[in-house]
Amino acid sequence: MRKRVWALLLGMMLLSNVLSCQALAAPEDPDSRESDVYENAENVWVNPMYRDVESADELEELAESAGQGIEGTDLQEARAGTREDAGYLPLKKAAASLRRQLVRRTNVITVRVQAKNVKVGKVASALFDEAVSVDKDTAGDEGDYILYHMGGYGGQTSGYPSSGEYSVTYVVRYYTNWWQEVQVTAKVKQTLSSLGVRGMNAYGKVKTIYDHICKHVKYDYATLNDDTVGKFTAYNALMEGTAVCQGYANLFYRMAMEAGVRTRVIGGTSRSVPHAWNIVKLDSYYYNLDSTWDAGSGGYVFFLKSNGDFGGHTRDKEYRASSFQTAHPMAPVSYKNGTVTRTITYNIKKAKVSGIKTKTYTGKRRTQDPVLRLGGVKLKRGRDYTVSYKNNVKIGTATIIFKGKGKYVGTLKKKYKIVIKKGFIYKVGSRRYQVVNANTNGKGTVRQVGAAKKVERVKIGGKRFRVLE
C-alpha cells in the first residue's frame, strides 16, 4: 500500500517538476554544446540506520522515475540549463539551497551545481553530504536532524563533466512532513520555555532536557516490528510520547541544539541491533548519553559517559573515523556530579605514550617526538602538558618527563636508551675514533682514524673504550 501511494505521489510531483524545468529553460544554440559529452547517472542512497526498513529497489524505482521525468524535458531543454546565466551554484551554495528544501520536507528537489572536479556519479552524494553536514552554525532542524528523519533518496544527475555543470534531482523519502515539523518547532520552543533552560549553564540544560525526555517518552513496543516509520521521529517522541531509539536521539538533538548546546546523533549498534544515541559537548569535550536505555532503567547509567564507561555501544564506521574523532574529542573520563563551570582535571599519569625510540649518541641532547593519548584523546604539547629531559646527552638511559598543564595534572616519566653504534666515527679532542665494538660495559673498542699519537683508552659519551693498535 505504501509503495502504491508513493508511486502516485511521485508521478504528480515529477510532472510538476518537469513543467517547472520547461518553464525555466532558457533557449540556447543546439550546436553550442556539440563538442561536450552529456552524461547522466542514477542516484540511490539508503540511510544505513534504516537499512532494515527501507527497500533499495523502491528507491531505485524513484531514481528511474526521476530520470524519465528529466528525459521528458528533451535534451535541448536540459542543455539550456548549462548557460552561466541559468544559475549554477558553487557546491556550498548549492548545498545550502538543498538544505533549505530538506528542512521544508520538499519531496522532489532539483538543484543546479558547479562541481567541476567531481565525477557525475558522485555529485549527488557530495552535494547531499555537504547539505547535512554539522558545524558551529548548524540549527536544530538541520544536520543530523535531517539525516535521521529520512530513509533515503532516489534521483538523477545530468550535465557536462567538462564544465562541471550538473542538474541534480532528488526524490526524498522523509519520515515526517512539513506540518508535523511546524508542530515540533512550536512544541520544542514551548517546552524549553516551561523548563526554564534559558538561564541555565550547559550542564543544567543537558540534564533538564535529558530528564524530561526520560520521564515523558516511552519505548514504542507496539510498532517495533512493523514497517511504520513514525516511531523513528522526534515528532512521535514529543507529540505522542512514544518512540524507539532514533526518536529519543532526534528529540534530544533538537532540544539541546535549540537550547544552545552542541550535540550529535551517533548511529551504531547496541544489544546486537541498530541503535542511535547522542554525544553532547560540555566545555572542551564530548560525552555519551543514551536516553533510550536510561528511560527504561530509571537512572543515569548512560548519562555523560566516556567511551570507556559506555559499554554495549559500537559506533558505525563513519563515527569511528579519525576525522570525526578529531572534530568531536571525547572526554577521557565520565562527567562527575557538579556543573560544567567547575574545573575538571585528568591525571596525565594514565596517558598512553607512543613514539619513544632508542637514540644514537651524537654528543648533543637527544630528544623525542612522543604522542600522548588519554581516554582516546590526543593531547597537545604546550596546551595539555610540558616536556623536560634528564640524562639525555651521554650514552646510557635517558628520561623524558611529561608534566600536566591546564586540565591535566600529575607527572609521567618514560625512559629510553642512548647508544653508540658500530662503524660510527666520533671526535674526542683533536683525535677521531671509529667504533669497532659498541659494548659499553668496559669491553668496547675503537680504532683511531689518522696518524696522530695513539692512546690506550678513550672516553666517549661517558663510557671508556680500548683503542686498538
Protein backbone atom coordinates (compact mmCIF):
# COMPACT_ATOMS: atom_id res chain seq x y z
CA MET A 1 0.00 0.00 0.00
CA ARG A 2 2.80 2.39 0.96
CA LYS A 3 4.53 1.72 -2.36
CA ARG A 4 1.41 2.43 -4.47
CA VAL A 5 0.77 5.70 -2.64
CA TRP A 6 4.39 6.73 -3.16
CA ALA A 7 4.20 5.91 -6.85
CA LEU A 8 1.07 8.05 -7.30
CA LEU A 9 2.53 10.98 -5.37
CA LEU A 10 5.81 10.69 -7.23
CA GLY A 11 4.11 10.82 -10.61
CA MET A 12 2.27 14.02 -9.66
CA MET A 13 5.39 15.65 -8.20
CA LEU A 14 7.58 14.76 -11.16
CA LEU A 15 5.01 16.16 -13.61
CA SER A 16 5.06 19.42 -11.70
CA ASN A 17 8.85 19.37 -11.58
CA VAL A 18 9.17 18.74 -15.33
CA LEU A 19 6.78 21.58 -16.17
CA SER A 20 8.81 23.86 -13.93
CA CYS A 21 12.03 22.84 -15.68
CA GLN A 22 10.45 23.54 -19.07
CA ALA A 23 9.25 26.94 -17.93
CA LEU A 24 12.70 27.85 -16.58
CA ALA A 25 14.68 26.54 -19.56
CA ALA A 26 16.47 29.26 -21.49
CA PRO A 27 16.92 28.99 -25.27
CA GLU A 28 20.38 28.07 -26.49
CA ASP A 29 22.01 27.31 -29.77
CA PRO A 30 21.72 23.50 -30.02
CA ASP A 31 25.13 23.36 -31.71
CA SER A 32 26.89 25.26 -28.94
CA ARG A 33 27.45 22.12 -26.83
CA GLU A 34 28.05 19.57 -29.58
CA SER A 35 31.70 19.12 -28.56
CA ASP A 36 30.74 18.40 -24.94
CA VAL A 37 29.82 14.96 -23.62
CA TYR A 38 26.45 14.96 -21.91
CA GLU A 39 26.30 12.43 -19.05
CA ASN A 40 23.76 11.29 -16.51
CA ALA A 41 23.78 8.99 -13.50
CA GLU A 42 21.24 7.41 -11.20
CA ASN A 43 21.28 8.47 -7.55
CA VAL A 44 20.19 5.95 -4.91
CA TRP A 45 21.02 6.17 -1.22
CA VAL A 46 19.57 4.13 1.64
CA ASN A 47 20.15 5.52 5.14
CA PRO A 48 22.28 2.87 6.92
CA MET A 49 20.34 3.44 10.13
CA TYR A 50 17.15 2.28 8.39
CA ARG A 51 18.59 -0.45 6.18
CA ASP A 52 16.22 -2.99 7.78
CA VAL A 53 13.21 -0.80 6.97
CA GLU A 54 13.90 0.75 3.58
CA SER A 55 13.96 -1.02 0.23
CA ALA A 56 16.79 -0.21 -2.15
CA ASP A 57 14.62 -1.48 -5.00
CA GLU A 58 11.91 1.03 -4.15
CA LEU A 59 14.40 3.89 -4.07
CA GLU A 60 15.82 2.73 -7.40
CA GLU A 61 12.30 2.99 -8.87
CA LEU A 62 12.19 6.58 -7.61
CA ALA A 63 15.53 7.23 -9.31
CA GLU A 64 14.30 5.72 -12.59
CA SER A 65 11.10 7.74 -12.44
CA ALA A 66 13.07 10.90 -11.84
CA GLY A 67 15.25 10.06 -14.84
CA GLN A 68 12.21 9.62 -17.06
CA GLY A 69 10.96 12.99 -15.90
CA ILE A 70 14.26 14.65 -16.85
CA GLU A 71 14.32 12.96 -20.26
CA GLY A 72 10.79 14.20 -20.89
CA THR A 73 12.05 17.77 -20.98
CA ASP A 74 14.06 16.94 -24.17
CA LEU A 75 17.83 17.03 -24.31
CA GLN A 76 17.98 20.52 -25.81
CA GLU A 77 15.94 21.93 -22.92
CA ALA A 78 18.16 20.11 -20.42
CA ARG A 79 21.15 21.63 -22.19
CA ALA A 80 19.65 25.08 -21.83
CA GLY A 81 20.50 24.99 -18.13
CA THR A 82 24.21 24.91 -18.88
CA ARG A 83 24.41 28.62 -19.61
CA GLU A 84 26.10 30.74 -16.95
CA ASP A 85 23.03 32.93 -16.55
CA ALA A 86 20.92 29.84 -15.73
CA GLY A 87 22.19 29.95 -12.14
CA TYR A 88 24.66 27.13 -11.50
CA LEU A 89 25.84 27.47 -7.90
CA PRO A 90 29.15 26.59 -6.24
CA LEU A 91 28.92 23.41 -4.14
CA LYS A 92 28.46 25.11 -0.77
CA LYS A 93 25.76 27.47 -2.04
CA ALA A 94 24.01 24.65 -3.88
CA ALA A 95 24.16 22.60 -0.66
CA ALA A 96 22.60 25.49 1.26
CA SER A 97 19.75 25.55 -1.27
CA LEU A 98 19.28 21.80 -0.93
CA ARG A 99 19.38 22.09 2.88
CA ARG A 100 16.57 24.66 2.93
CA GLN A 101 14.36 22.40 0.85
CA LEU A 102 15.17 19.36 3.00
CA VAL A 103 14.15 21.35 6.09
CA ARG A 104 10.86 22.22 4.35
CA ARG A 105 10.40 18.50 3.53
CA THR A 106 10.19 19.12 -0.22
CA ASN A 107 9.76 15.69 -1.83
CA VAL A 108 11.21 16.38 -5.30
CA ILE A 109 14.21 18.72 -5.29
CA THR A 110 16.26 19.86 -8.28
CA VAL A 111 19.49 21.75 -7.69
CA ARG A 112 21.93 23.14 -10.26
CA VAL A 113 25.52 22.89 -9.10
CA GLN A 114 29.01 23.75 -10.32
CA ALA A 115 31.19 20.76 -9.38
CA LYS A 116 33.95 20.53 -11.96
CA ASN A 117 36.24 18.13 -10.10
CA VAL A 118 33.51 15.70 -9.06
CA LYS A 119 32.53 12.71 -11.19
CA VAL A 120 28.91 12.63 -12.37
CA GLY A 121 28.17 9.56 -10.26
CA LYS A 122 29.45 11.29 -7.10
CA VAL A 123 27.83 14.70 -7.47
CA ALA A 124 24.56 13.84 -5.72
CA SER A 125 26.23 12.29 -2.67
CA ALA A 126 28.82 15.09 -2.39
CA LEU A 127 26.08 17.71 -2.51
CA PHE A 128 23.87 15.85 -0.03
CA ASP A 129 26.73 15.22 2.43
CA GLU A 130 27.53 18.92 2.44
CA ALA A 131 23.84 19.79 2.92
CA VAL A 132 23.51 17.63 6.06
CA SER A 133 26.95 18.39 7.50
CA VAL A 134 27.17 19.83 11.01
CA ASP A 135 29.23 22.86 12.00
CA LYS A 136 29.09 25.66 14.57
CA ASP A 137 26.26 27.39 12.68
CA THR A 138 24.01 24.34 12.22
CA ALA A 139 20.46 24.87 13.53
CA GLY A 140 18.40 22.33 15.47
CA ASP A 141 16.30 21.38 12.44
CA GLU A 142 19.38 20.84 10.25
CA GLY A 143 22.31 18.45 10.17
CA ASP A 144 21.66 15.17 11.99
CA TYR A 145 18.01 16.12 12.43
CA ILE A 146 17.51 15.98 8.66
CA LEU A 147 19.66 12.88 8.26
CA TYR A 148 17.84 10.75 10.81
CA HIS A 149 14.38 11.81 9.64
CA MET A 150 14.73 10.29 6.19
CA GLY A 151 15.04 6.77 4.85
CA GLY A 152 16.95 7.69 1.70
CA TYR A 153 16.56 9.16 -1.75
CA GLY A 154 16.43 8.24 -5.41
CA GLY A 155 17.06 10.57 -8.31
CA GLN A 156 19.18 11.55 -11.29
CA THR A 157 22.23 13.68 -12.08
CA SER A 158 22.74 15.06 -15.58
CA GLY A 159 25.14 17.54 -17.11
CA TYR A 160 28.55 18.17 -18.65
CA PRO A 161 31.69 16.92 -16.85
CA SER A 162 33.90 19.20 -18.97
CA SER A 163 32.34 22.31 -17.42
CA GLY A 164 31.28 20.64 -14.17
CA GLU A 165 27.71 21.95 -14.54
CA TYR A 166 25.10 19.50 -13.34
CA SER A 167 21.40 19.34 -12.61
CA VAL A 168 20.72 17.04 -9.65
CA THR A 169 17.23 15.77 -8.83
CA TYR A 170 16.40 14.08 -5.53
CA VAL A 171 13.18 12.25 -4.71
CA VAL A 172 13.36 12.07 -0.93
CA ARG A 173 11.75 9.57 1.44
CA TYR A 174 11.00 11.55 4.64
CA TYR A 175 9.66 10.23 7.93
CA THR A 176 7.85 13.47 8.80
CA ASN A 177 6.05 16.10 6.74
CA TRP A 178 6.30 19.88 6.89
CA TRP A 179 3.18 20.33 9.00
CA GLN A 180 4.46 17.89 11.60
CA GLU A 181 7.75 19.78 11.76
CA VAL A 182 5.89 23.07 12.26
CA GLN A 183 4.23 21.47 15.29
CA VAL A 184 7.56 20.16 16.59
CA THR A 185 9.13 23.61 16.31
CA ALA A 186 6.32 25.23 18.32
CA LYS A 187 6.27 22.44 20.93
CA VAL A 188 10.04 22.47 21.43
CA LYS A 189 10.01 26.22 21.96
CA GLN A 190 7.14 25.91 24.46
CA THR A 191 8.77 23.01 26.33
CA LEU A 192 12.18 24.66 26.64
CA SER A 193 10.49 27.79 27.96
CA SER A 194 8.49 25.85 30.55
CA LEU A 195 11.63 24.00 31.66
CA GLY A 196 13.42 27.32 32.19
CA VAL A 197 16.62 26.28 30.45
CA ARG A 198 17.42 29.77 29.19
CA GLY A 199 19.12 30.81 32.43
CA MET A 200 20.96 27.52 32.98
CA ASN A 201 24.54 26.62 32.22
CA ALA A 202 25.30 23.87 29.70
CA TYR A 203 25.24 21.03 32.24
CA GLY A 204 21.92 22.23 33.65
CA LYS A 205 20.39 22.37 30.17
CA VAL A 206 21.59 18.88 29.28
CA LYS A 207 20.34 17.27 32.48
CA THR A 208 16.99 19.07 32.40
CA ILE A 209 16.30 18.08 28.78
CA TYR A 210 17.52 14.53 29.40
CA ASP A 211 15.31 14.14 32.48
CA HIS A 212 12.30 15.48 30.58
CA ILE A 213 12.74 13.01 27.72
CA CYS A 214 13.38 10.05 30.01
CA LYS A 215 10.24 10.89 32.01
CA HIS A 216 7.81 11.68 29.18
CA VAL A 217 8.80 9.34 26.33
CA LYS A 218 8.01 5.62 26.44
CA TYR A 219 9.57 2.97 24.26
CA ASP A 220 7.28 2.11 21.31
CA TYR A 221 6.90 -1.65 21.56
CA ALA A 222 3.53 -1.53 19.74
CA THR A 223 5.03 -0.70 16.31
CA LEU A 224 8.55 -2.02 16.92
CA ASN A 225 8.33 -4.82 14.37
CA ASP A 226 6.12 -3.28 11.66
CA ASP A 227 7.08 -1.05 8.73
CA THR A 228 5.67 2.22 10.08
CA VAL A 229 8.29 4.95 10.43
CA GLY A 230 6.75 7.44 12.86
CA LYS A 231 8.50 5.68 15.75
CA PHE A 232 11.86 6.99 14.45
CA THR A 233 10.88 10.65 14.71
CA ALA A 234 11.12 13.48 17.21
CA TYR A 235 7.50 14.23 16.32
CA ASN A 236 6.27 10.95 17.77
CA ALA A 237 8.52 11.27 20.81
CA LEU A 238 7.36 14.82 21.55
CA MET A 239 3.73 14.80 20.42
CA GLU A 240 2.74 11.15 21.01
CA GLY A 241 5.10 10.31 23.87
CA THR A 242 6.34 7.10 22.22
CA ALA A 243 9.38 6.33 20.07
CA VAL A 244 12.29 3.97 19.53
CA CYS A 245 15.95 4.93 19.91
CA GLN A 246 16.13 7.20 16.85
CA GLY A 247 13.13 9.16 18.10
CA TYR A 248 14.73 9.64 21.53
CA ALA A 249 18.05 10.70 19.99
CA ASN A 250 16.41 13.01 17.43
CA LEU A 251 14.38 14.75 20.11
CA PHE A 252 17.38 15.25 22.38
CA TYR A 253 19.36 16.62 19.43
CA ARG A 254 16.60 19.06 18.51
CA MET A 255 16.01 20.32 22.06
CA ALA A 256 19.67 20.55 23.03
CA MET A 257 20.66 22.36 19.82
CA GLU A 258 17.77 24.80 20.22
CA ALA A 259 18.97 25.39 23.80
CA GLY A 260 22.45 26.24 22.51
CA VAL A 261 24.28 23.01 23.43
CA ARG A 262 26.30 21.34 20.66
CA THR A 263 25.07 17.81 20.11
CA ARG A 264 25.35 14.97 17.60
CA VAL A 265 23.33 11.84 16.87
CA ILE A 266 25.53 8.74 16.73
CA GLY A 267 24.49 5.67 14.75
CA GLY A 268 25.70 2.19 15.54
CA THR A 269 24.61 -0.97 17.34
CA SER A 270 23.70 -1.81 20.91
CA ARG A 271 22.48 -5.12 22.25
CA SER A 272 23.10 -6.56 18.77
CA VAL A 273 20.57 -4.31 16.99
CA PRO A 274 20.82 -0.97 15.12
CA HIS A 275 20.79 1.83 17.66
CA ALA A 276 21.16 5.60 17.98
CA TRP A 277 22.29 7.76 20.87
CA ASN A 278 23.84 11.20 21.39
CA ILE A 279 27.10 12.86 22.26
CA VAL A 280 26.97 16.31 23.82
CA LYS A 281 29.65 18.95 24.34
CA LEU A 282 30.39 20.26 27.82
CA ASP A 283 33.33 22.63 27.97
CA SER A 284 36.06 21.22 25.70
CA TYR A 285 34.92 17.60 25.41
CA TYR A 286 32.03 15.46 24.28
CA TYR A 287 30.24 12.89 26.45
CA ASN A 288 27.99 9.96 25.52
CA LEU A 289 24.40 9.75 26.65
CA ASP A 290 21.60 7.32 25.82
CA SER A 291 18.15 8.47 26.87
CA THR A 292 16.53 5.33 25.37
CA TRP A 293 18.19 2.95 27.81
CA ASP A 294 18.07 5.33 30.79
CA ALA A 295 14.35 5.94 30.22
CA GLY A 296 13.90 2.21 30.68
CA SER A 297 16.19 1.93 33.72
CA GLY A 298 15.03 4.99 35.63
CA GLY A 299 18.60 6.01 36.44
CA TYR A 300 21.70 7.62 34.93
CA VAL A 301 23.56 4.53 33.77
CA PHE A 302 24.26 6.05 30.34
CA PHE A 303 24.40 9.76 31.18
CA LEU A 304 27.51 11.81 30.30
CA LYS A 305 29.84 8.84 30.00
CA SER A 306 33.30 8.49 28.49
CA ASN A 307 33.79 5.83 25.83
CA GLY A 308 35.39 3.59 28.43
CA ASP A 309 32.29 3.73 30.64
CA PHE A 310 29.77 3.44 27.80
CA GLY A 311 29.71 -0.31 27.35
CA GLY A 312 27.42 -2.12 24.94
CA HIS A 313 27.60 0.57 22.24
CA THR A 314 29.52 0.22 18.97
CA ARG A 315 29.68 3.18 16.61
CA ASP A 316 29.24 2.88 12.87
CA LYS A 317 32.44 3.29 10.86
CA GLU A 318 31.94 6.96 9.98
CA TYR A 319 31.73 7.89 13.67
CA ARG A 320 34.92 5.96 14.45
CA ALA A 321 36.88 7.77 11.73
CA SER A 322 39.83 9.88 12.88
CA SER A 323 38.37 12.99 11.21
CA PHE A 324 35.16 12.66 13.27
CA GLN A 325 37.12 11.91 16.46
CA THR A 326 39.30 14.97 15.95
CA ALA A 327 36.29 17.21 15.42
CA HIS A 328 34.50 15.69 18.41
CA PRO A 329 37.11 14.91 21.10
CA MET A 330 35.67 12.58 23.72
CA ALA A 331 36.29 13.14 27.43
CA PRO A 332 38.84 10.69 28.82
CA VAL A 333 36.71 10.11 31.92
CA SER A 334 32.98 10.29 32.61
CA TYR A 335 31.46 13.51 33.87
CA LYS A 336 31.00 13.71 37.64
CA ASN A 337 28.35 15.44 39.70
CA GLY A 338 28.53 19.20 39.56
CA THR A 339 28.35 21.82 36.88
CA VAL A 340 30.46 22.46 33.87
CA THR A 341 31.77 25.68 35.40
CA ARG A 342 33.92 23.79 37.86
CA THR A 343 37.39 22.65 36.81
CA ILE A 344 37.63 19.01 35.79
CA THR A 345 41.17 17.63 35.92
CA TYR A 346 42.67 14.49 34.42
CA ASN A 347 45.84 12.77 35.66
CA ILE A 348 48.40 12.59 32.90
CA LYS A 349 50.00 9.60 34.62
CA LYS A 350 47.32 7.41 33.00
CA ALA A 351 48.17 8.54 29.47
CA LYS A 352 49.42 6.12 26.83
CA VAL A 353 52.67 7.21 25.18
CA SER A 354 53.86 6.22 21.71
CA GLY A 355 56.77 7.35 19.55
CA ILE A 356 59.54 6.84 22.10
CA LYS A 357 62.61 5.48 20.29
CA THR A 358 66.20 4.45 21.06
CA LYS A 359 68.58 7.24 20.07
CA THR A 360 72.16 7.17 18.76
CA TYR A 361 74.79 9.07 20.75
CA THR A 362 75.92 12.28 18.98
CA GLY A 363 77.36 14.33 21.84
CA LYS A 364 74.28 16.56 21.75
CA ARG A 365 70.91 16.40 23.54
CA ARG A 366 68.75 13.60 22.13
CA THR A 367 65.03 14.42 22.29
CA GLN A 368 61.83 12.60 21.30
CA ASP A 369 58.64 13.26 19.31
CA PRO A 370 56.11 11.48 21.51
CA VAL A 371 52.34 11.20 21.15
CA LEU A 372 50.20 11.16 24.29
CA ARG A 373 46.62 9.89 24.42
CA LEU A 374 44.35 9.84 27.42
CA GLY A 375 40.97 8.14 27.12
CA GLY A 376 41.36 8.10 23.33
CA VAL A 377 42.01 11.88 23.23
CA LYS A 378 45.27 13.05 21.66
CA LEU A 379 46.91 15.59 23.97
CA LYS A 380 48.59 18.72 22.65
CA ARG A 381 52.08 19.68 23.79
CA GLY A 382 52.19 23.15 25.30
CA ARG A 383 48.45 23.21 25.97
CA ASP A 384 47.96 19.95 27.88
CA TYR A 385 51.49 19.13 29.01
CA THR A 386 55.11 20.26 29.03
CA VAL A 387 58.24 18.18 28.37
CA SER A 388 61.64 18.09 30.05
CA TYR A 389 64.56 15.66 29.92
CA LYS A 390 67.13 14.11 32.23
CA ASN A 391 70.46 12.50 31.21
CA ASN A 392 69.74 12.84 27.50
CA VAL A 393 73.27 13.62 26.27
CA LYS A 394 75.59 10.79 27.25
CA ILE A 395 75.39 7.08 26.44
CA GLY A 396 73.03 5.24 28.77
CA THR A 397 69.45 5.67 29.95
CA ALA A 398 67.69 8.99 29.44
CA THR A 399 64.35 10.09 30.87
CA ILE A 400 61.59 12.16 29.27
CA ILE A 401 59.29 13.85 31.79
CA PHE A 402 55.73 14.90 30.96
CA LYS A 403 54.08 17.38 33.32
CA GLY A 404 50.35 18.06 33.12
CA LYS A 405 49.12 21.53 32.25
CA GLY A 406 45.70 23.19 32.28
CA LYS A 407 43.10 20.48 32.85
CA TYR A 408 45.81 17.84 33.14
CA VAL A 409 47.71 17.24 36.37
CA GLY A 410 50.44 14.89 37.54
CA THR A 411 53.73 13.75 36.08
CA LEU A 412 54.60 10.88 33.78
CA LYS A 413 58.14 9.62 33.13
CA LYS A 414 59.38 7.39 30.33
CA LYS A 415 62.90 6.05 29.85
CA TYR A 416 64.79 5.46 26.61
CA LYS A 417 68.27 4.38 25.56
CA ILE A 418 71.10 6.44 24.05
CA VAL A 419 73.54 4.06 22.39
CA ILE A 420 76.79 4.09 20.45
CA LYS A 421 76.82 2.22 17.14
CA LYS A 422 79.47 0.17 15.40
CA GLY A 423 81.13 1.97 12.49
CA PHE A 424 80.30 5.46 13.72
CA ILE A 425 83.20 7.92 13.96
CA TYR A 426 83.44 10.28 16.96
CA LYS A 427 85.81 13.19 17.59
CA VAL A 428 87.42 13.45 21.02
CA GLY A 429 89.64 16.49 21.34
CA SER A 430 91.76 16.58 18.20
CA ARG A 431 91.50 12.85 17.55
CA ARG A 432 88.86 10.83 15.71
CA TYR A 433 87.79 7.27 16.59
CA GLN A 434 85.71 4.70 14.75
CA VAL A 435 83.67 2.25 16.85
CA VAL A 436 84.65 -1.39 16.38
CA ASN A 437 82.82 -2.97 19.33
CA ALA A 438 79.88 -0.94 20.70
CA ASN A 439 79.80 -2.71 24.06
CA THR A 440 79.51 -0.10 26.85
CA ASN A 441 80.32 -2.29 29.87
CA GLY A 442 84.07 -1.83 29.55
CA LYS A 443 84.70 -4.23 26.68
CA GLY A 444 84.03 -1.78 23.86
CA THR A 445 86.76 -1.00 21.38
CA VAL A 446 87.53 1.74 18.87
CA ARG A 447 90.16 2.32 16.21
CA GLN A 448 91.89 5.68 15.88
CA VAL A 449 91.45 7.36 12.50
CA GLY A 450 94.50 9.26 11.24
CA ALA A 451 98.22 9.34 12.11
CA ALA A 452 98.07 11.17 15.44
CA LYS A 453 99.74 9.65 18.51
CA LYS A 454 97.83 6.65 19.84
CA VAL A 455 96.38 6.36 23.38
CA GLU A 456 95.36 3.15 25.14
CA ARG A 457 91.87 4.20 26.21
CA VAL A 458 89.42 6.96 25.35
CA LYS A 459 86.15 8.15 26.90
CA ILE A 460 83.23 8.63 24.51
CA GLY A 461 79.81 9.67 25.75
CA GLY A 462 80.79 8.98 29.34
CA LYS A 463 81.96 5.40 28.56
CA ARG A 464 85.56 4.10 28.27
CA PHE A 465 86.71 2.27 25.13
CA ARG A 466 90.00 0.47 24.44
CA VAL A 467 91.90 1.82 21.43
CA LEU A 468 93.05 -0.94 19.12
CA GLU A 469 96.50 -1.00 17.53
